[in-house]
N, C-alpha and C. Protein backbone atom coordinates (compact mmCIF):
# COMPACT_ATOMS: atom_id res chain seq x y z
N MET A 1 -13.03 40.05 48.46
CA MET A 1 -13.68 39.39 49.56
C MET A 1 -14.88 40.23 49.99
N ILE A 2 -16.02 39.60 50.13
CA ILE A 2 -17.23 40.29 50.55
C ILE A 2 -17.38 40.08 52.05
N THR A 3 -17.62 41.18 52.76
CA THR A 3 -17.79 41.08 54.21
C THR A 3 -19.25 41.15 54.56
N ASP A 4 -19.60 40.51 55.63
CA ASP A 4 -20.97 40.50 56.12
C ASP A 4 -21.19 41.73 56.98
N PRO A 5 -22.09 42.64 56.59
CA PRO A 5 -22.28 43.87 57.36
C PRO A 5 -22.82 43.63 58.77
N THR A 6 -23.42 42.46 59.01
CA THR A 6 -23.95 42.17 60.34
C THR A 6 -22.88 41.61 61.27
N ARG A 7 -21.75 41.22 60.73
CA ARG A 7 -20.68 40.66 61.54
C ARG A 7 -19.89 41.81 62.19
N ARG A 8 -19.66 41.69 63.46
CA ARG A 8 -18.97 42.75 64.18
C ARG A 8 -17.69 42.22 64.82
N ARG A 9 -16.75 43.15 64.98
CA ARG A 9 -15.50 42.80 65.66
C ARG A 9 -15.70 42.95 67.15
N ALA A 10 -14.88 42.26 67.89
CA ALA A 10 -14.91 42.40 69.35
C ALA A 10 -14.44 43.81 69.71
N PRO A 11 -14.95 44.39 70.79
CA PRO A 11 -14.53 45.73 71.19
C PRO A 11 -13.02 45.77 71.41
N GLY A 12 -12.39 46.79 70.87
CA GLY A 12 -10.94 46.95 71.03
C GLY A 12 -10.10 46.16 70.05
N SER A 13 -10.73 45.31 69.25
CA SER A 13 -9.95 44.53 68.29
C SER A 13 -9.70 45.37 67.05
N ARG A 14 -8.63 45.02 66.35
CA ARG A 14 -8.27 45.75 65.15
C ARG A 14 -8.57 44.89 63.93
N PRO A 15 -8.96 45.51 62.82
CA PRO A 15 -9.20 44.71 61.62
C PRO A 15 -7.90 44.08 61.13
N ARG A 16 -8.00 42.87 60.66
CA ARG A 16 -6.83 42.20 60.14
C ARG A 16 -6.53 42.69 58.74
N SER A 17 -5.26 42.87 58.47
CA SER A 17 -4.85 43.36 57.17
C SER A 17 -3.78 42.44 56.60
N ARG A 18 -3.93 42.07 55.36
CA ARG A 18 -2.92 41.23 54.72
C ARG A 18 -1.64 42.02 54.51
N ARG A 19 -1.77 43.32 54.27
CA ARG A 19 -0.60 44.14 54.02
C ARG A 19 0.37 44.16 55.19
N SER A 20 -0.16 44.22 56.39
CA SER A 20 0.73 44.31 57.55
C SER A 20 1.56 43.05 57.69
N THR A 21 0.99 41.88 57.42
CA THR A 21 1.77 40.65 57.54
C THR A 21 2.70 40.48 56.34
N GLU A 22 2.26 40.89 55.16
CA GLU A 22 3.13 40.79 53.99
C GLU A 22 4.31 41.74 54.11
N GLY A 23 4.09 42.94 54.62
CA GLY A 23 5.16 43.90 54.80
C GLY A 23 6.20 43.40 55.79
N ALA A 24 5.73 42.80 56.88
CA ALA A 24 6.66 42.27 57.88
C ALA A 24 7.46 41.13 57.29
N LEU A 25 6.85 40.32 56.47
CA LEU A 25 7.55 39.21 55.85
C LEU A 25 8.62 39.72 54.89
N CYS A 26 8.29 40.72 54.09
CA CYS A 26 9.25 41.28 53.14
C CYS A 26 10.42 41.94 53.85
N GLU A 27 10.16 42.59 54.98
CA GLU A 27 11.22 43.26 55.72
C GLU A 27 12.20 42.26 56.32
N SER A 28 11.73 41.05 56.65
CA SER A 28 12.60 40.08 57.29
C SER A 28 13.41 39.27 56.29
N LEU A 29 13.04 39.30 55.03
CA LEU A 29 13.78 38.55 54.01
C LEU A 29 14.96 39.36 53.51
N GLN A 30 16.07 38.68 53.30
CA GLN A 30 17.27 39.33 52.76
C GLN A 30 17.39 38.95 51.30
N PRO A 31 17.61 39.91 50.42
CA PRO A 31 17.75 39.57 49.00
C PRO A 31 18.92 38.61 48.78
N LEU A 32 18.78 37.74 47.81
CA LEU A 32 19.86 36.81 47.47
C LEU A 32 20.97 37.50 46.71
N ALA A 33 20.61 38.55 45.97
CA ALA A 33 21.60 39.26 45.15
C ALA A 33 21.21 40.73 45.04
N TYR A 34 22.21 41.54 44.73
CA TYR A 34 22.01 42.98 44.63
C TYR A 34 22.51 43.49 43.29
N ARG A 35 21.90 44.55 42.80
CA ARG A 35 22.40 45.24 41.62
C ARG A 35 23.61 46.07 42.03
N PRO A 36 24.48 46.41 41.10
CA PRO A 36 25.70 47.16 41.45
C PRO A 36 25.44 48.43 42.25
N LYS A 37 24.39 49.15 41.94
CA LYS A 37 24.09 50.38 42.67
C LYS A 37 23.82 50.09 44.15
N ASP A 38 23.05 49.05 44.42
CA ASP A 38 22.73 48.68 45.80
C ASP A 38 23.93 48.08 46.51
N ALA A 39 24.73 47.30 45.78
CA ALA A 39 25.94 46.72 46.35
C ALA A 39 26.91 47.82 46.75
N ALA A 40 27.02 48.85 45.93
CA ALA A 40 27.90 49.98 46.23
C ALA A 40 27.44 50.68 47.50
N ALA A 41 26.16 50.87 47.65
CA ALA A 41 25.62 51.52 48.85
C ALA A 41 25.89 50.67 50.08
N MET A 42 25.78 49.38 49.96
CA MET A 42 26.02 48.49 51.09
C MET A 42 27.48 48.53 51.54
N LEU A 43 28.40 48.58 50.58
CA LEU A 43 29.82 48.56 50.91
C LEU A 43 30.39 49.95 51.14
N GLY A 44 29.63 50.98 50.81
CA GLY A 44 30.09 52.34 51.00
C GLY A 44 31.11 52.79 49.98
N VAL A 45 30.98 52.28 48.77
CA VAL A 45 31.87 52.67 47.67
C VAL A 45 31.01 53.15 46.52
N SER A 46 31.66 53.67 45.48
CA SER A 46 30.90 54.16 44.33
C SER A 46 30.49 53.01 43.42
N ARG A 47 29.51 53.30 42.57
CA ARG A 47 29.04 52.31 41.61
C ARG A 47 30.16 51.96 40.63
N SER A 48 30.97 52.95 40.25
CA SER A 48 32.06 52.68 39.31
C SER A 48 33.12 51.78 39.96
N THR A 49 33.31 51.91 41.28
CA THR A 49 34.25 51.03 41.98
C THR A 49 33.75 49.59 41.91
N ILE A 50 32.46 49.39 42.10
CA ILE A 50 31.88 48.04 42.01
C ILE A 50 32.09 47.48 40.60
N HIS A 51 31.83 48.29 39.58
CA HIS A 51 32.01 47.81 38.20
C HIS A 51 33.49 47.50 37.93
N GLN A 52 34.39 48.30 38.48
CA GLN A 52 35.82 48.03 38.31
C GLN A 52 36.22 46.75 39.02
N MET A 53 35.67 46.52 40.21
CA MET A 53 35.96 45.28 40.95
C MET A 53 35.45 44.06 40.19
N ILE A 54 34.31 44.20 39.52
CA ILE A 54 33.78 43.11 38.70
C ILE A 54 34.72 42.86 37.52
N ALA A 55 35.14 43.93 36.85
CA ALA A 55 36.03 43.82 35.69
C ALA A 55 37.38 43.20 36.08
N ASP A 56 37.87 43.53 37.29
CA ASP A 56 39.15 43.00 37.76
C ASP A 56 39.04 41.59 38.33
N GLY A 57 37.82 41.08 38.46
CA GLY A 57 37.62 39.74 39.00
C GLY A 57 37.61 39.69 40.52
N GLU A 58 37.58 40.84 41.17
CA GLU A 58 37.54 40.88 42.63
C GLU A 58 36.16 40.52 43.17
N ILE A 59 35.15 40.80 42.38
CA ILE A 59 33.77 40.45 42.73
C ILE A 59 33.20 39.62 41.59
N VAL A 60 32.58 38.52 41.94
CA VAL A 60 31.94 37.67 40.94
C VAL A 60 30.48 38.11 40.81
N ALA A 61 30.10 38.50 39.61
CA ALA A 61 28.73 38.92 39.33
C ALA A 61 28.10 37.97 38.33
N ARG A 62 26.81 37.93 38.33
CA ARG A 62 26.07 37.09 37.39
C ARG A 62 25.12 37.98 36.60
N THR A 63 24.80 37.54 35.41
CA THR A 63 23.85 38.27 34.58
C THR A 63 22.59 37.44 34.45
N LEU A 64 21.48 38.06 34.75
CA LEU A 64 20.18 37.42 34.62
C LEU A 64 19.35 38.30 33.71
N GLY A 65 19.16 37.86 32.47
CA GLY A 65 18.55 38.73 31.47
C GLY A 65 19.51 39.87 31.19
N SER A 66 19.07 41.09 31.41
CA SER A 66 19.96 42.23 31.20
C SER A 66 20.47 42.79 32.53
N ALA A 67 20.08 42.16 33.64
CA ALA A 67 20.46 42.66 34.97
C ALA A 67 21.77 42.04 35.44
N THR A 68 22.66 42.87 35.94
CA THR A 68 23.87 42.40 36.58
C THR A 68 23.57 42.25 38.05
N LEU A 69 23.81 41.06 38.59
CA LEU A 69 23.50 40.79 39.99
C LEU A 69 24.73 40.28 40.72
N ILE A 70 24.90 40.74 41.94
CA ILE A 70 26.01 40.31 42.78
C ILE A 70 25.42 39.59 43.98
N PRO A 71 25.76 38.31 44.15
CA PRO A 71 25.20 37.56 45.28
C PRO A 71 25.61 38.17 46.62
N TYR A 72 24.72 38.09 47.59
CA TYR A 72 24.99 38.61 48.93
C TYR A 72 26.25 37.95 49.51
N SER A 73 26.39 36.66 49.30
CA SER A 73 27.55 35.94 49.83
C SER A 73 28.86 36.51 49.28
N GLU A 74 28.82 37.00 48.05
CA GLU A 74 30.01 37.60 47.43
C GLU A 74 30.35 38.93 48.10
N LEU A 75 29.34 39.71 48.43
CA LEU A 75 29.57 40.98 49.12
C LEU A 75 30.12 40.73 50.52
N ALA A 76 29.60 39.73 51.20
CA ALA A 76 30.09 39.39 52.53
C ALA A 76 31.55 38.93 52.46
N ARG A 77 31.89 38.16 51.42
CA ARG A 77 33.26 37.68 51.25
C ARG A 77 34.22 38.86 51.03
N VAL A 78 33.82 39.80 50.21
CA VAL A 78 34.67 40.96 49.93
C VAL A 78 34.87 41.78 51.21
N LEU A 79 33.80 41.98 51.95
CA LEU A 79 33.89 42.76 53.18
C LEU A 79 34.75 42.05 54.22
N ASP A 80 34.61 40.75 54.36
CA ASP A 80 35.41 39.99 55.32
C ASP A 80 36.89 40.02 54.96
N GLY A 81 37.20 40.11 53.68
CA GLY A 81 38.58 40.12 53.23
C GLY A 81 39.22 41.50 53.20
N ALA A 82 38.42 42.53 53.47
CA ALA A 82 38.94 43.90 53.43
C ALA A 82 39.86 44.14 54.63
N ALA A 83 40.85 45.00 54.43
CA ALA A 83 41.80 45.33 55.50
C ALA A 83 41.09 46.09 56.62
N LEU A 84 41.56 45.91 57.83
CA LEU A 84 41.01 46.64 58.97
C LEU A 84 41.49 48.09 58.95
N SER A 85 40.62 48.98 59.41
CA SER A 85 41.01 50.38 59.46
C SER A 85 42.02 50.61 60.58
N ALA A 86 42.73 51.73 60.52
CA ALA A 86 43.74 52.06 61.54
C ALA A 86 43.09 52.17 62.91
N ALA A 87 41.89 52.72 62.97
CA ALA A 87 41.19 52.87 64.25
C ALA A 87 40.84 51.51 64.85
N THR A 88 40.47 50.56 64.01
CA THR A 88 40.14 49.23 64.49
C THR A 88 41.39 48.51 64.98
N LYS A 89 42.49 48.66 64.25
CA LYS A 89 43.74 48.03 64.65
C LYS A 89 44.24 48.58 65.98
N ALA A 90 44.04 49.88 66.24
CA ALA A 90 44.51 50.51 67.46
C ALA A 90 43.67 50.12 68.67
N ALA A 91 42.44 49.71 68.44
CA ALA A 91 41.53 49.39 69.56
C ALA A 91 41.84 48.08 70.20
């Protein structure tokens, strides 16, 4: 984009940036699916635990090309079905 050097901004105004709006948009979007490494971080377990849960059929994963992906809804289902901790039960 070519800007006109004679065009001036109003005093106190800030230049508009596409990056700032694109960054805000990306931050507000939630991924539809996660790779096992990211899913493990979200659930607070190891990557090998996630792979074992996939192998045992506890988590349904999909393969897209060579990537293993776990839908967000599947992670939420697993977390909702997890047992409550002793501290939570006592509260």
